[in-house]
Amino acid sequence: MQISKHVLSLKDRPAAFESPAGSIMRLGRDQLPILKGLSIRRLVLTAHAIREPHWHANANELGYCVRGQALVTVVGNHGSRDVFLIGIGEMFFVPSGTVHAIENTGETEAEFILAFSNEDPEDFSLSGAFDVMCDAVLLSTFEWQPQKPPSFGRLNANTEIFDLQAQPAIEKQALHPNRLKFRVEESAPHVSSPAGSARTAQAPAWSVLDGLSMFSVRISEIGLREPHWHPETAEMGYVLEGTGQMTVLDPDGSADTYSIHPGDAYFVPPAYPHHIENAGSGTLHILIFFSRSAPQDIGYRAAAAGYSRNVIASQLGLSEQALLPLPVDIDDPLIVARL
């Protein structure tokens, strides 16, 4: 099976940042040139480590907790503050430009898959923002007396992840529901059958989303995601579990067929027809991110049902009598059983 321009391993990539406190793997336009409107990262934090306060100038962020637990703090307009705990199967959303940090509050590693609404996110850190300002500016900003200037400790180093000197107590408000948090794996499935299931983090159910959404899709050994496409919406998937096979149709009429494995990330541009099927034993579990908060979907079944049998038969080079009955669905099945 050929290597495709649509897929690349995220988990096996060299870390863009690595220290004893954790690592960040990145998959953007430089690594996968076909990307547009989406990119993805894998964040791993050791016990009590923190992804430093930072923000993204040109991208919203949508995160999923794969393992562990963490405290997420987001500082926004005029100092507004959201703080909440995240656990396995839970998600968080961070608007572009807002300062946020992710702190591992557990005794084991924590892992997150992070999607961004830009193929090349621009990052700024709070430490970097402090470093470029002279002492006089910082003293004035914080109203500190110049005769007792603090040591700002100009780092001049990459501090994307570091260990905390002390583990802070969890604030009470962090235990309450928050608008930026969503328990996707506890939500009722959008579809569910022996062939598979899909749980969705999308608008309007999660109204805060902007330019991003996610489907947690599980395909059983007998299932496949029916061939389909998403109008005006790019798709980027990350394989958590299992082995699959995909086919993507490109505008020149060529088709890419390739395998996907745990740790792989794939990208499908807007409205490119594609399908996904389970090609191994056990469940195929994929986190599928979209470049819209409420993605549209057109499946082959719905497309065929929208036209007369004569039109479909003629297009397929069949007589109308030879064309098998076409199903008409009230609800799109999304995942169908493989024959």
C-alpha atoms as a PDB file:
ATOM      1  CA  MET A   1       0.000   0.000   0.000  1.00  0.00           C
ATOM      2  CA  GLN A   2       1.418   3.374  -1.031  1.00  0.00           C
ATOM      3  CA  ILE A   3       2.633   6.117   1.268  1.00  0.00           C
ATOM      4  CA  SER A   4       0.159   8.988   1.047  1.00  0.00           C
ATOM      5  CA  LYS A   5       0.515  12.755   1.230  1.00  0.00           C
ATOM      6  CA  HIS A   6      -2.544  12.692   3.494  1.00  0.00           C
ATOM      7  CA  VAL A   7      -1.053  10.837   6.497  1.00  0.00           C
ATOM      8  CA  LEU A   8       1.968  10.994   8.816  1.00  0.00           C
ATOM      9  CA  SER A   9       2.798   9.659  12.275  1.00  0.00           C
ATOM     10  CA  LEU A  10       2.517  12.253  15.031  1.00  0.00           C
ATOM     11  CA  LYS A  11       3.480  10.010  17.938  1.00  0.00           C
ATOM     12  CA  ASP A  12       6.726   8.803  16.331  1.00  0.00           C
ATOM     13  CA  ARG A  13       7.915  12.241  15.252  1.00  0.00           C
ATOM     14  CA  PRO A  14      10.996  13.781  16.855  1.00  0.00           C
ATOM     15  CA  ALA A  15       9.860  16.072  19.643  1.00  0.00           C
ATOM     16  CA  ALA A  16       9.750  19.774  18.812  1.00  0.00           C
ATOM     17  CA  PHE A  17      10.397  20.337  22.520  1.00  0.00           C
ATOM     18  CA  GLU A  18      11.634  17.808  25.068  1.00  0.00           C
ATOM     19  CA  SER A  19      12.851  17.987  28.653  1.00  0.00           C
ATOM     20  CA  PRO A  20      12.649  15.781  31.762  1.00  0.00           C
ATOM     21  CA  ALA A  21       9.293  17.483  32.423  1.00  0.00           C
ATOM     22  CA  GLY A  22       7.643  16.457  29.154  1.00  0.00           C
ATOM     23  CA  SER A  23       7.517  16.775  25.386  1.00  0.00           C
ATOM     24  CA  ILE A  24       5.599  18.299  22.478  1.00  0.00           C
ATOM     25  CA  MET A  25       5.278  16.674  19.047  1.00  0.00           C
ATOM     26  CA  ARG A  26       4.010  18.945  16.285  1.00  0.00           C
ATOM     27  CA  LEU A  27       2.468  18.251  12.908  1.00  0.00           C
ATOM     28  CA  GLY A  28       1.969  21.418  10.880  1.00  0.00           C
ATOM     29  CA  ARG A  29       2.336  22.616   7.316  1.00  0.00           C
ATOM     30  CA  ASP A  30       6.133  22.171   7.379  1.00  0.00           C
ATOM     31  CA  GLN A  31       5.739  18.476   8.167  1.00  0.00           C
ATOM     32  CA  LEU A  32       2.594  17.754   6.111  1.00  0.00           C
ATOM     33  CA  PRO A  33       2.362  20.339   3.297  1.00  0.00           C
ATOM     34  CA  ILE A  34      -1.231  19.463   2.397  1.00  0.00           C
ATOM     35  CA  LEU A  35      -2.462  20.949   5.699  1.00  0.00           C
ATOM     36  CA  LYS A  36      -4.690  24.006   5.517  1.00  0.00           C
ATOM     37  CA  GLY A  37      -6.862  25.351   8.318  1.00  0.00           C
ATOM     38  CA  LEU A  38      -5.887  22.623  10.810  1.00  0.00           C
ATOM     39  CA  SER A  39      -2.812  21.273  12.586  1.00  0.00           C
ATOM     40  CA  ILE A  40      -2.220  18.940  15.511  1.00  0.00           C
ATOM     41  CA  ARG A  41       0.136  18.409  18.447  1.00  0.00           C
ATOM     42  CA  ARG A  42       0.749  15.760  21.101  1.00  0.00           C
ATOM     43  CA  LEU A  43       1.566  17.049  24.583  1.00  0.00           C
ATOM     44  CA  VAL A  44       3.003  14.808  27.317  1.00  0.00           C
ATOM     45  CA  LEU A  45       3.548  16.117  30.861  1.00  0.00           C
ATOM     46  CA  THR A  46       5.311  14.221  33.638  1.00  0.00           C
ATOM     47  CA  ALA A  47       3.893  14.308  37.165  1.00  0.00           C
ATOM     48  CA  HIS A  48       3.559  17.904  38.460  1.00  0.00           C
ATOM     49  CA  ALA A  49       4.875  19.430  35.223  1.00  0.00           C
ATOM     50  CA  ILE A  50       3.209  22.390  33.514  1.00  0.00           C
ATOM     51  CA  ARG A  51       2.865  23.583  29.937  1.00  0.00           C
ATOM     52  CA  GLU A  52       3.833  27.179  30.563  1.00  0.00           C
ATOM     53  CA  PRO A  53       1.325  30.037  30.238  1.00  0.00           C
ATOM     54  CA  HIS A  54       1.170  30.856  26.529  1.00  0.00           C
ATOM     55  CA  TRP A  55      -1.184  31.841  23.720  1.00  0.00           C
ATOM     56  CA  HIS A  56      -1.684  31.377  19.991  1.00  0.00           C
ATOM     57  CA  ALA A  57      -1.973  34.549  17.930  1.00  0.00           C
ATOM     58  CA  ASN A  58      -3.691  33.007  14.916  1.00  0.00           C
ATOM     59  CA  ALA A  59      -5.425  29.847  16.106  1.00  0.00           C
ATOM     60  CA  ASN A  60      -8.064  28.526  18.462  1.00  0.00           C
ATOM     61  CA  GLU A  61      -7.155  25.320  20.306  1.00  0.00           C
ATOM     62  CA  LEU A  62      -9.223  22.214  21.045  1.00  0.00           C
ATOM     63  CA  GLY A  63      -7.719  19.617  23.379  1.00  0.00           C
ATOM     64  CA  TYR A  64      -8.562  16.013  24.344  1.00  0.00           C
ATOM     65  CA  CYS A  65      -7.146  14.256  27.419  1.00  0.00           C
ATOM     66  CA  VAL A  66      -5.900  10.776  26.502  1.00  0.00           C
ATOM     67  CA  ARG A  67      -4.538   9.855  29.938  1.00  0.00           C
ATOM     68  CA  GLY A  68      -3.873  11.450  33.293  1.00  0.00           C
ATOM     69  CA  GLN A  69      -5.427  14.551  34.791  1.00  0.00           C
ATOM     70  CA  ALA A  70      -4.628  18.245  34.641  1.00  0.00           C
ATOM     71  CA  LEU A  71      -5.617  21.712  35.729  1.00  0.00           C
ATOM     72  CA  VAL A  72      -6.316  24.112  32.868  1.00  0.00           C
ATOM     73  CA  THR A  73      -6.216  27.863  33.526  1.00  0.00           C
ATOM     74  CA  VAL A  74      -7.310  30.359  30.852  1.00  0.00           C
ATOM     75  CA  VAL A  75      -6.959  34.142  31.234  1.00  0.00           C
ATOM     76  CA  GLY A  76      -8.924  36.227  28.753  1.00  0.00           C
ATOM     77  CA  ASN A  77     -10.347  39.675  28.103  1.00  0.00           C
ATOM     78  CA  HIS A  78      -9.677  42.202  30.913  1.00  0.00           C
ATOM     79  CA  GLY A  79      -8.369  39.429  33.180  1.00  0.00           C
ATOM     80  CA  SER A  80     -11.376  37.111  32.971  1.00  0.00           C
ATOM     81  CA  ARG A  81     -10.355  33.715  34.292  1.00  0.00           C
ATOM     82  CA  ASP A  82     -11.498  30.145  33.725  1.00  0.00           C
ATOM     83  CA  VAL A  83      -9.979  27.308  35.739  1.00  0.00           C
ATOM     84  CA  PHE A  84     -11.061  23.663  35.606  1.00  0.00           C
ATOM     85  CA  LEU A  85      -9.855  20.087  35.944  1.00  0.00           C
ATOM     86  CA  ILE A  86      -9.558  17.805  32.920  1.00  0.00           C
ATOM     87  CA  GLY A  87      -9.541  14.004  33.006  1.00  0.00           C
ATOM     88  CA  ILE A  88      -9.479  11.106  30.550  1.00  0.00           C
ATOM     89  CA  GLY A  89     -11.985  11.542  27.725  1.00  0.00           C
ATOM     90  CA  GLU A  90     -12.648  15.200  28.523  1.00  0.00           C
ATOM     91  CA  MET A  91     -11.990  18.187  26.273  1.00  0.00           C
ATOM     92  CA  PHE A  92     -11.192  21.871  26.552  1.00  0.00           C
ATOM     93  CA  PHE A  93     -11.386  24.841  24.191  1.00  0.00           C
ATOM     94  CA  VAL A  94      -9.065  27.860  24.207  1.00  0.00           C
ATOM     95  CA  PRO A  95      -9.908  30.939  22.093  1.00  0.00           C
ATOM     96  CA  SER A  96      -7.121  32.514  20.061  1.00  0.00           C
ATOM     97  CA  GLY A  97      -5.031  35.037  21.973  1.00  0.00           C
ATOM     98  CA  THR A  98      -6.073  33.964  25.469  1.00  0.00           C
ATOM     99  CA  VAL A  99      -3.322  32.962  27.900  1.00  0.00           C
ATOM    100  CA  HIS A 100      -3.548  29.342  29.033  1.00  0.00           C
ATOM    101  CA  ALA A 101      -1.547  26.755  30.947  1.00  0.00           C
ATOM    102  CA  ILE A 102      -1.973  22.997  31.394  1.00  0.00           C
ATOM    103  CA  GLU A 103      -0.703  21.583  34.681  1.00  0.00           C
ATOM    104  CA  ASN A 104      -0.403  17.878  35.465  1.00  0.00           C
ATOM    105  CA  THR A 105      -1.991  17.417  38.896  1.00  0.00           C
ATOM    106  CA  GLY A 106      -1.504  13.647  39.032  1.00  0.00           C
ATOM    107  CA  GLU A 107       1.295  11.283  39.992  1.00  0.00           C
ATOM    108  CA  THR A 108       1.655   9.781  36.501  1.00  0.00           C
ATOM    109  CA  GLU A 109       2.160  11.136  32.993  1.00  0.00           C
ATOM    110  CA  ALA A 110      -0.645  13.058  31.323  1.00  0.00           C
ATOM    111  CA  GLU A 111      -1.159  13.072  27.552  1.00  0.00           C
ATOM    112  CA  PHE A 112      -3.197  15.416  25.371  1.00  0.00           C
ATOM    113  CA  ILE A 113      -4.010  15.655  21.679  1.00  0.00           C
ATOM    114  CA  LEU A 114      -4.342  19.309  20.674  1.00  0.00           C
ATOM    115  CA  ALA A 115      -5.909  20.557  17.435  1.00  0.00           C
ATOM    116  CA  PHE A 116      -5.511  24.100  16.101  1.00  0.00           C
ATOM    117  CA  SER A 117      -7.552  26.126  13.628  1.00  0.00           C
ATOM    118  CA  ASN A 118      -4.478  27.066  11.602  1.00  0.00           C
ATOM    119  CA  GLU A 119      -1.936  24.946   9.742  1.00  0.00           C
ATOM    120  CA  ASP A 120       0.915  26.977  11.258  1.00  0.00           C
ATOM    121  CA  PRO A 121      -0.016  28.241  14.748  1.00  0.00           C
ATOM    122  CA  GLU A 122       1.920  31.210  16.116  1.00  0.00           C
ATOM    123  CA  ASP A 123       2.949  30.774  19.762  1.00  0.00           C
ATOM    124  CA  PHE A 124       3.787  33.374  22.394  1.00  0.00           C
ATOM    125  CA  SER A 125       4.848  32.559  25.955  1.00  0.00           C
ATOM    126  CA  LEU A 126       4.450  34.633  29.093  1.00  0.00           C
ATOM    127  CA  SER A 127       8.130  34.088  29.896  1.00  0.00           C
ATOM    128  CA  GLY A 128       9.118  35.291  26.437  1.00  0.00           C
ATOM    129  CA  ALA A 129       6.871  38.332  26.776  1.00  0.00           C
ATOM    130  CA  PHE A 130       8.576  39.223  30.075  1.00  0.00           C
ATOM    131  CA  ASP A 131      12.049  38.633  28.666  1.00  0.00           C
ATOM    132  CA  VAL A 132      11.792  41.269  25.937  1.00  0.00           C
ATOM    133  CA  MET A 133      10.795  44.096  28.309  1.00  0.00           C
ATOM    134  CA  CYS A 134      13.447  45.989  30.257  1.00  0.00           C
ATOM    135  CA  ASP A 135      13.400  46.110  34.067  1.00  0.00           C
ATOM    136  CA  ALA A 136      12.133  49.703  34.082  1.00  0.00           C
ATOM    137  CA  VAL A 137       9.065  48.756  32.065  1.00  0.00           C
ATOM    138  CA  LEU A 138       8.289  45.772  34.292  1.00  0.00           C
ATOM    139  CA  LEU A 139       8.854  47.756  37.494  1.00  0.00           C
ATOM    140  CA  SER A 140       6.416  50.410  36.291  1.00  0.00           C
ATOM    141  CA  THR A 141       3.877  47.840  35.137  1.00  0.00           C
ATOM    142  CA  PHE A 142       3.745  46.051  38.481  1.00  0.00           C
ATOM    143  CA  GLU A 143       4.315  49.196  40.583  1.00  0.00           C
ATOM    144  CA  TRP A 144       7.397  47.765  42.229  1.00  0.00           C
ATOM    145  CA  GLN A 145       9.828  50.130  43.922  1.00  0.00           C
ATOM    146  CA  PRO A 146      13.081  50.485  41.939  1.00  0.00           C
ATOM    147  CA  GLN A 147      15.233  50.385  45.079  1.00  0.00           C
ATOM    148  CA  LYS A 148      14.166  46.794  45.598  1.00  0.00           C
ATOM    149  CA  PRO A 149      13.998  45.376  42.106  1.00  0.00           C
ATOM    150  CA  PRO A 150      13.173  41.676  41.894  1.00  0.00           C
ATOM    151  CA  SER A 151      15.395  39.343  39.960  1.00  0.00           C
ATOM    152  CA  PHE A 152      13.548  38.700  36.736  1.00  0.00           C
ATOM    153  CA  GLY A 153      15.971  35.935  35.854  1.00  0.00           C
ATOM    154  CA  ARG A 154      16.150  36.522  32.111  1.00  0.00           C
ATOM    155  CA  LEU A 155      15.839  32.993  30.873  1.00  0.00           C
ATOM    156  CA  ASN A 156      16.804  33.340  27.216  1.00  0.00           C
ATOM    157  CA  ALA A 157      15.836  29.691  26.926  1.00  0.00           C
ATOM    158  CA  ASN A 158      12.927  27.549  25.838  1.00  0.00           C
ATOM    159  CA  THR A 159      10.716  26.873  28.865  1.00  0.00           C
ATOM    160  CA  GLU A 160       7.641  25.437  27.162  1.00  0.00           C
ATOM    161  CA  ILE A 161       7.366  22.729  29.849  1.00  0.00           C
ATOM    162  CA  PHE A 162       8.871  22.800  33.326  1.00  0.00           C
ATOM    163  CA  ASP A 163       8.458  21.296  36.800  1.00  0.00           C
ATOM    164  CA  LEU A 164       6.650  23.357  39.412  1.00  0.00           C
ATOM    165  CA  GLN A 165       8.511  24.193  42.589  1.00  0.00           C
ATOM    166  CA  ALA A 166       5.422  23.397  44.643  1.00  0.00           C
ATOM    167  CA  GLN A 167       2.123  21.765  43.854  1.00  0.00           C
ATOM    168  CA  PRO A 168      -0.659  24.327  44.432  1.00  0.00           C
ATOM    169  CA  ALA A 169      -3.967  23.473  46.029  1.00  0.00           C
ATOM    170  CA  ILE A 170      -6.882  22.930  43.651  1.00  0.00           C
ATOM    171  CA  GLU A 171      -9.268  25.884  43.755  1.00  0.00           C
ATOM    172  CA  LYS A 172     -12.900  25.081  44.518  1.00  0.00           C
ATOM    173  CA  GLN A 173     -14.072  26.673  41.290  1.00  0.00           C
ATOM    174  CA  ALA A 174     -11.936  24.194  39.331  1.00  0.00           C
ATOM    175  CA  LEU A 175     -14.283  21.426  40.489  1.00  0.00           C
ATOM    176  CA  HIS A 176     -17.364  23.004  38.906  1.00  0.00           C
ATOM    177  CA  PRO A 177     -18.616  22.791  35.300  1.00  0.00           C
ATOM    178  CA  ASN A 178     -17.024  25.308  32.972  1.00  0.00           C
ATOM    179  CA  ARG A 179     -18.015  26.663  29.571  1.00  0.00           C
ATOM    180  CA  LEU A 180     -14.582  25.780  28.127  1.00  0.00           C
ATOM    181  CA  LYS A 181     -14.792  22.119  29.204  1.00  0.00           C
ATOM    182  CA  PHE A 182     -16.787  19.267  27.650  1.00  0.00           C
ATOM    183  CA  ARG A 183     -17.135  15.613  28.737  1.00  0.00           C
ATOM    184  CA  VAL A 184     -17.376  14.163  25.259  1.00  0.00           C
ATOM    185  CA  GLU A 185     -16.986  10.497  26.231  1.00  0.00           C
ATOM    186  CA  GLU A 186     -19.809  10.811  28.769  1.00  0.00           C
ATOM    187  CA  SER A 187     -22.187  12.320  26.206  1.00  0.00           C
ATOM    188  CA  ALA A 188     -24.873  10.278  24.467  1.00  0.00           C
ATOM    189  CA  PRO A 189     -23.598   8.902  21.143  1.00  0.00           C
ATOM    190  CA  HIS A 190     -24.728  10.732  18.022  1.00  0.00           C
ATOM    191  CA  VAL A 191     -24.970   7.326  16.335  1.00  0.00           C
ATOM    192  CA  SER A 192     -24.558   3.842  17.784  1.00  0.00           C
ATOM    193  CA  SER A 193     -24.878   0.395  16.208  1.00  0.00           C
ATOM    194  CA  PRO A 194     -22.957  -2.893  16.145  1.00  0.00           C
ATOM    195  CA  ALA A 195     -20.857  -1.302  13.378  1.00  0.00           C
ATOM    196  CA  GLY A 196     -19.662   1.515  15.628  1.00  0.00           C
ATOM    197  CA  SER A 197     -20.454   4.765  17.395  1.00  0.00           C
ATOM    198  CA  ALA A 198     -19.711   8.485  17.254  1.00  0.00           C
ATOM    199  CA  ARG A 199     -19.772  10.965  20.125  1.00  0.00           C
ATOM    200  CA  THR A 200     -19.577  14.594  19.116  1.00  0.00           C
ATOM    201  CA  ALA A 201     -18.147  17.807  20.541  1.00  0.00           C
ATOM    202  CA  GLN A 202     -19.736  20.391  18.275  1.00  0.00           C
ATOM    203  CA  ALA A 203     -22.047  23.392  18.246  1.00  0.00           C
ATOM    204  CA  PRO A 204     -24.724  24.018  19.343  1.00  0.00           C
ATOM    205  CA  ALA A 205     -24.290  21.436  22.151  1.00  0.00           C
ATOM    206  CA  TRP A 206     -20.960  23.085  23.023  1.00  0.00           C
ATOM    207  CA  SER A 207     -21.768  26.660  22.117  1.00  0.00           C
ATOM    208  CA  VAL A 208     -18.359  28.174  22.931  1.00  0.00           C
ATOM    209  CA  LEU A 209     -16.673  26.396  20.003  1.00  0.00           C
ATOM    210  CA  ASP A 210     -15.396  28.540  17.143  1.00  0.00           C
ATOM    211  CA  GLY A 211     -13.745  27.129  14.029  1.00  0.00           C
ATOM    212  CA  LEU A 212     -13.147  23.681  15.554  1.00  0.00           C
ATOM    213  CA  SER A 213     -15.101  20.575  16.563  1.00  0.00           C
ATOM    214  CA  MET A 214     -14.367  16.896  17.197  1.00  0.00           C
ATOM    215  CA  PHE A 215     -16.030  13.494  16.737  1.00  0.00           C
ATOM    216  CA  SER A 216     -14.826  10.576  18.861  1.00  0.00           C
ATOM    217  CA  VAL A 217     -15.453   7.709  16.433  1.00  0.00           C
ATOM    218  CA  ARG A 218     -15.225   4.014  17.255  1.00  0.00           C
ATOM    219  CA  ILE A 219     -15.541   1.530  14.403  1.00  0.00           C
ATOM    220  CA  SER A 220     -15.998  -2.137  15.273  1.00  0.00           C
ATOM    221  CA  GLU A 221     -14.371  -5.050  13.442  1.00  0.00           C
ATOM    222  CA  ILE A 222     -17.427  -5.287  11.173  1.00  0.00           C
ATOM    223  CA  GLY A 223     -17.799  -1.554  10.549  1.00  0.00           C
ATOM    224  CA  LEU A 224     -16.789   1.204   8.184  1.00  0.00           C
ATOM    225  CA  ARG A 225     -17.405   4.927   7.983  1.00  0.00           C
ATOM    226  CA  GLU A 226     -19.459   5.273   4.819  1.00  0.00           C
ATOM    227  CA  PRO A 227     -17.838   7.206   1.954  1.00  0.00           C
ATOM    228  CA  HIS A 228     -18.625  10.888   2.421  1.00  0.00           C
ATOM    229  CA  TRP A 229     -17.299  14.440   2.324  1.00  0.00           C
ATOM    230  CA  HIS A 230     -17.614  17.651   4.346  1.00  0.00           C
ATOM    231  CA  PRO A 231     -18.572  20.853   2.481  1.00  0.00           C
ATOM    232  CA  GLU A 232     -16.256  23.771   3.306  1.00  0.00           C
ATOM    233  CA  THR A 233     -14.778  21.744   6.175  1.00  0.00           C
ATOM    234  CA  ALA A 234     -11.327  20.171   6.514  1.00  0.00           C
ATOM    235  CA  GLU A 235     -10.881  16.990   8.560  1.00  0.00           C
ATOM    236  CA  MET A 236      -7.900  15.859  10.606  1.00  0.00           C
ATOM    237  CA  GLY A 237      -7.930  12.565  12.491  1.00  0.00           C
ATOM    238  CA  TYR A 238      -5.687  11.061  15.158  1.00  0.00           C
ATOM    239  CA  VAL A 239      -5.704   7.294  15.705  1.00  0.00           C
ATOM    240  CA  LEU A 240      -5.882   6.344  19.377  1.00  0.00           C
ATOM    241  CA  GLU A 241      -6.459   2.621  18.963  1.00  0.00           C
ATOM    242  CA  GLY A 242      -6.650  -0.038  16.259  1.00  0.00           C
ATOM    243  CA  THR A 243      -5.729  -0.286  12.592  1.00  0.00           C
ATOM    244  CA  GLY A 244      -7.706   1.177   9.731  1.00  0.00           C
ATOM    245  CA  GLN A 245      -7.676   1.757   6.016  1.00  0.00           C
ATOM    246  CA  MET A 246      -8.654   4.939   4.212  1.00  0.00           C
ATOM    247  CA  THR A 247      -9.225   5.976   0.612  1.00  0.00           C
ATOM    248  CA  VAL A 248      -9.247   9.655  -0.378  1.00  0.00           C
ATOM    249  CA  LEU A 249     -10.217  10.899  -3.847  1.00  0.00           C
ATOM    250  CA  ASP A 250      -8.124  13.807  -5.137  1.00  0.00           C
ATOM    251  CA  PRO A 251      -9.396  16.385  -7.670  1.00  0.00           C
ATOM    252  CA  ASP A 252      -7.233  14.943 -10.467  1.00  0.00           C
ATOM    253  CA  GLY A 253      -9.155  11.669 -10.214  1.00  0.00           C
ATOM    254  CA  SER A 254      -6.379   9.772  -8.448  1.00  0.00           C
ATOM    255  CA  ALA A 255      -7.084   7.963  -5.193  1.00  0.00           C
ATOM    256  CA  ASP A 256      -4.844   7.516  -2.168  1.00  0.00           C
ATOM    257  CA  THR A 257      -5.413   4.299  -0.227  1.00  0.00           C
ATOM    258  CA  TYR A 258      -3.358   3.870   2.923  1.00  0.00           C
ATOM    259  CA  SER A 259      -3.294   2.235   6.354  1.00  0.00           C
ATOM    260  CA  ILE A 260      -3.597   4.148   9.619  1.00  0.00           C
ATOM    261  CA  HIS A 261      -2.182   2.996  12.946  1.00  0.00           C
ATOM    262  CA  PRO A 262      -2.067   4.272  16.547  1.00  0.00           C
ATOM    263  CA  GLY A 263      -0.297   7.620  16.663  1.00  0.00           C
ATOM    264  CA  ASP A 264      -0.970   8.449  13.002  1.00  0.00           C
ATOM    265  CA  ALA A 265      -2.594  11.718  11.958  1.00  0.00           C
ATOM    266  CA  TYR A 266      -4.353  12.137   8.613  1.00  0.00           C
ATOM    267  CA  PHE A 267      -5.747  15.160   6.775  1.00  0.00           C
ATOM    268  CA  VAL A 268      -8.590  15.438   4.265  1.00  0.00           C
ATOM    269  CA  PRO A 269      -9.167  18.827   2.559  1.00  0.00           C
ATOM    270  CA  PRO A 270     -12.696  20.261   2.375  1.00  0.00           C
ATOM    271  CA  ALA A 271     -15.164  18.251   0.277  1.00  0.00           C
ATOM    272  CA  TYR A 272     -12.679  15.513  -0.714  1.00  0.00           C
ATOM    273  CA  PRO A 273     -14.579  12.162  -0.788  1.00  0.00           C
ATOM    274  CA  HIS A 274     -13.126   9.623   1.635  1.00  0.00           C
ATOM    275  CA  HIS A 275     -13.947   6.594   3.750  1.00  0.00           C
ATOM    276  CA  ILE A 276     -12.508   4.819   6.802  1.00  0.00           C
ATOM    277  CA  GLU A 277     -12.789   1.142   7.678  1.00  0.00           C
ATOM    278  CA  ASN A 278     -11.519  -1.104  10.425  1.00  0.00           C
ATOM    279  CA  ALA A 279      -8.690  -3.216   9.015  1.00  0.00           C
ATOM    280  CA  GLY A 280      -7.570  -4.995  12.166  1.00  0.00           C
ATOM    281  CA  SER A 281      -8.826  -6.824  15.218  1.00  0.00           C
ATOM    282  CA  GLY A 282     -10.566  -4.931  17.975  1.00  0.00           C
ATOM    283  CA  THR A 283     -11.991  -1.422  17.896  1.00  0.00           C
ATOM    284  CA  LEU A 284     -10.647   1.365  15.697  1.00  0.00           C
ATOM    285  CA  HIS A 285     -10.860   4.586  17.758  1.00  0.00           C
ATOM    286  CA  ILE A 286     -10.155   7.907  16.039  1.00  0.00           C
ATOM    287  CA  LEU A 287     -10.371  11.494  17.265  1.00  0.00           C
ATOM    288  CA  ILE A 288     -11.646  13.361  14.195  1.00  0.00           C
ATOM    289  CA  PHE A 289     -11.211  17.137  14.281  1.00  0.00           C
ATOM    290  CA  PHE A 290     -12.978  19.524  11.911  1.00  0.00           C
ATOM    291  CA  SER A 291     -12.287  23.109  10.834  1.00  0.00           C
ATOM    292  CA  ARG A 292     -15.831  24.249  11.678  1.00  0.00           C
ATOM    293  CA  SER A 293     -17.775  24.232  14.935  1.00  0.00           C
ATOM    294  CA  ALA A 294     -20.708  22.464  13.229  1.00  0.00           C
ATOM    295  CA  PRO A 295     -19.351  20.398  10.318  1.00  0.00           C
ATOM    296  CA  GLN A 296     -21.585  19.466   7.404  1.00  0.00           C
ATOM    297  CA  ASP A 297     -21.640  15.934   6.021  1.00  0.00           C
ATOM    298  CA  ILE A 298     -22.773  14.434   2.706  1.00  0.00           C
ATOM    299  CA  GLY A 299     -22.639  10.647   2.492  1.00  0.00           C
ATOM    300  CA  TYR A 300     -22.796   8.517  -0.629  1.00  0.00           C
ATOM    301  CA  ARG A 301     -26.160   7.127   0.474  1.00  0.00           C
ATOM    302  CA  ALA A 302     -27.681  10.589   0.860  1.00  0.00           C
ATOM    303  CA  ALA A 303     -26.157  11.809  -2.410  1.00  0.00           C
ATOM    304  CA  ALA A 304     -27.529   8.865  -4.378  1.00  0.00           C
ATOM    305  CA  ALA A 305     -30.958   9.092  -2.729  1.00  0.00           C
ATOM    306  CA  GLY A 306     -31.295  12.697  -3.864  1.00  0.00           C
ATOM    307  CA  TYR A 307     -31.565  11.757  -7.541  1.00  0.00           C
ATOM    308  CA  SER A 308     -33.818   9.551  -9.628  1.00  0.00           C
ATOM    309  CA  ARG A 309     -32.882   5.935 -10.222  1.00  0.00           C
ATOM    310  CA  ASN A 310     -32.528   6.751 -13.906  1.00  0.00           C
ATOM    311  CA  VAL A 311     -29.863   9.402 -13.194  1.00  0.00           C
ATOM    312  CA  ILE A 312     -27.872   7.178 -10.827  1.00  0.00           C
ATOM    313  CA  ALA A 313     -28.113   4.120 -13.090  1.00  0.00           C
ATOM    314  CA  SER A 314     -26.977   6.106 -16.120  1.00  0.00           C
ATOM    315  CA  GLN A 315     -24.051   7.599 -14.221  1.00  0.00           C
ATOM    316  CA  LEU A 316     -22.929   4.135 -13.106  1.00  0.00           C
ATOM    317  CA  GLY A 317     -23.329   2.644 -16.578  1.00  0.00           C
ATOM    318  CA  LEU A 318     -26.225   0.383 -15.577  1.00  0.00           C
ATOM    319  CA  SER A 319     -29.752  -0.122 -16.724  1.00  0.00           C
ATOM    320  CA  GLU A 320     -32.346   1.084 -14.262  1.00  0.00           C
ATOM    321  CA  GLN A 321     -33.508  -2.510 -13.853  1.00  0.00           C
ATOM    322  CA  ALA A 322     -29.991  -3.644 -12.925  1.00  0.00           C
ATOM    323  CA  LEU A 323     -29.574  -0.976 -10.233  1.00  0.00           C
ATOM    324  CA  LEU A 324     -30.185  -2.417  -6.775  1.00  0.00           C
ATOM    325  CA  PRO A 325     -32.597  -0.587  -4.435  1.00  0.00           C
ATOM    326  CA  LEU A 326     -31.098   2.578  -2.934  1.00  0.00           C
ATOM    327  CA  PRO A 327     -31.772   3.131   0.780  1.00  0.00           C
ATOM    328  CA  VAL A 328     -33.496   6.325   1.852  1.00  0.00           C
ATOM    329  CA  ASP A 329     -32.484   7.297   5.396  1.00  0.00           C
ATOM    330  CA  ILE A 330     -34.305   9.544   7.837  1.00  0.00           C
ATOM    331  CA  ASP A 331     -31.067   9.854   9.818  1.00  0.00           C
ATOM    332  CA  ASP A 332     -27.608   9.518   8.291  1.00  0.00           C
ATOM    333  CA  PRO A 333     -26.107   6.218   9.561  1.00  0.00           C
ATOM    334  CA  LEU A 334     -22.481   7.526   9.353  1.00  0.00           C
ATOM    335  CA  ILE A 335     -21.095   4.074  10.222  1.00  0.00           C
ATOM    336  CA  VAL A 336     -22.336   0.996   8.355  1.00  0.00           C
ATOM    337  CA  ALA A 337     -21.695  -2.746   8.599  1.00  0.00           C
ATOM    338  CA  ARG A 338     -19.122  -4.189   6.224  1.00  0.00           C
ATOM    339  CA  LEU A 339     -20.382  -7.020   4.027  1.00  0.00           C
END
